[in-house]
Amino acid sequence: MVFLDDDPTAAAARRDRLDTLAGEPYTSDARIFAGTPTQLADPLQELASTGLAGFRLRPAVLGHDLPAITRGLVPELQRGNAFRHVHEADTLRGLLGLPRPANRCTTTTTVWSDPKAGSHIEFSFFAYFARTAERAKSDFLFLADELRLREQGGKIYDLSSYDPDGPLPDIDPDAEHISRGRAQVRMYRDPLATARERREPAAANNWSIRDVIVETGNRQNFVGSPHHRRHHQRLRPVRRRRRLHPCPSHHPTGLDDFADRAVPPLQEQGVFRKDYKGPTLRDHLAAAAPW
């Protein structure tokens, strides 16, 4: 998380103000940076030089930080040849000018990667999740990165030699070389224990790698083609909920396959709405106005 300001004291003050906005102390084992663009460029460059293929800079919940990162920190990173991609949103702009409840304050992400780390992951690369399937039933994959590529210790491991519809391989994660600030460490404190927990039901139920991802994932993930029978069976419980939130690959055409291939059958089942009551996204989500 980055708190950026031309005045380092002001940056630290905004970091402290996060506790006030949240209503409770903000605790995280992620890395937190506060300071000016020049002050932050060197430690971020150093962090990238350790071998991380990429990481996210999360602007603080204050509206000032998103444009500050774009205009101040990004040029510093570009001078060091470490900046590659930026994904911006207007979520934070003008946030302080609106009497929005603290629980409605959100953050966005800025994504960048270090070319020197040898990362071959680009936004367009994630298009493979819907286009590189070898079987008709897996033409449309969610969480393909769970099945194909894993990153540990700054290294990308290609798991494409394992058949997604084959048995779960008897391999253990390299628990000693995982960055302690990464999301999988915060979610799975003991990677070896997590591997055992997933391996035991996989053996008992004769699950494939794909089945393990579907059955043990911590989100409502659907793996398969839009018309795959099992895919639709897993969608049925969602009808009781108000909306379906697709998470496509992070590139400009990431929603195209979902919109063209998955939305029509979902509309036929009544899972995905066909009309909307208002002209704005707030109307579509039935979200209350913040003013």
Foldseek 3Di string as FASTA:
>chain_A
DEQEDQAQVVSVVVVVCLCVLLVHDDDAPADYYTYYLVVPQVVVVVVQVQQAFKDKDKFDLALVGQVRCVPTNVVSNVVVQFFDFFDDDNLRHCVVVFQFRSVSRDIDITIGGGVVSVDPDDLVVQVCQQPVDPDQFQNHFDPVCLVAWDDFLNDIDGNVVFDQQAADDPDFDPVVRHPCRDPVCVVPVDRRVVVVVLNVVCVVVVGGNNRSCCPVPPDLGAGTFLPDPVSVVSLVVLLVPDADDDDFRPDPCRCVCCVVGNVVVCVVVVRHDDDFDDDDPCRRVVHDDRD
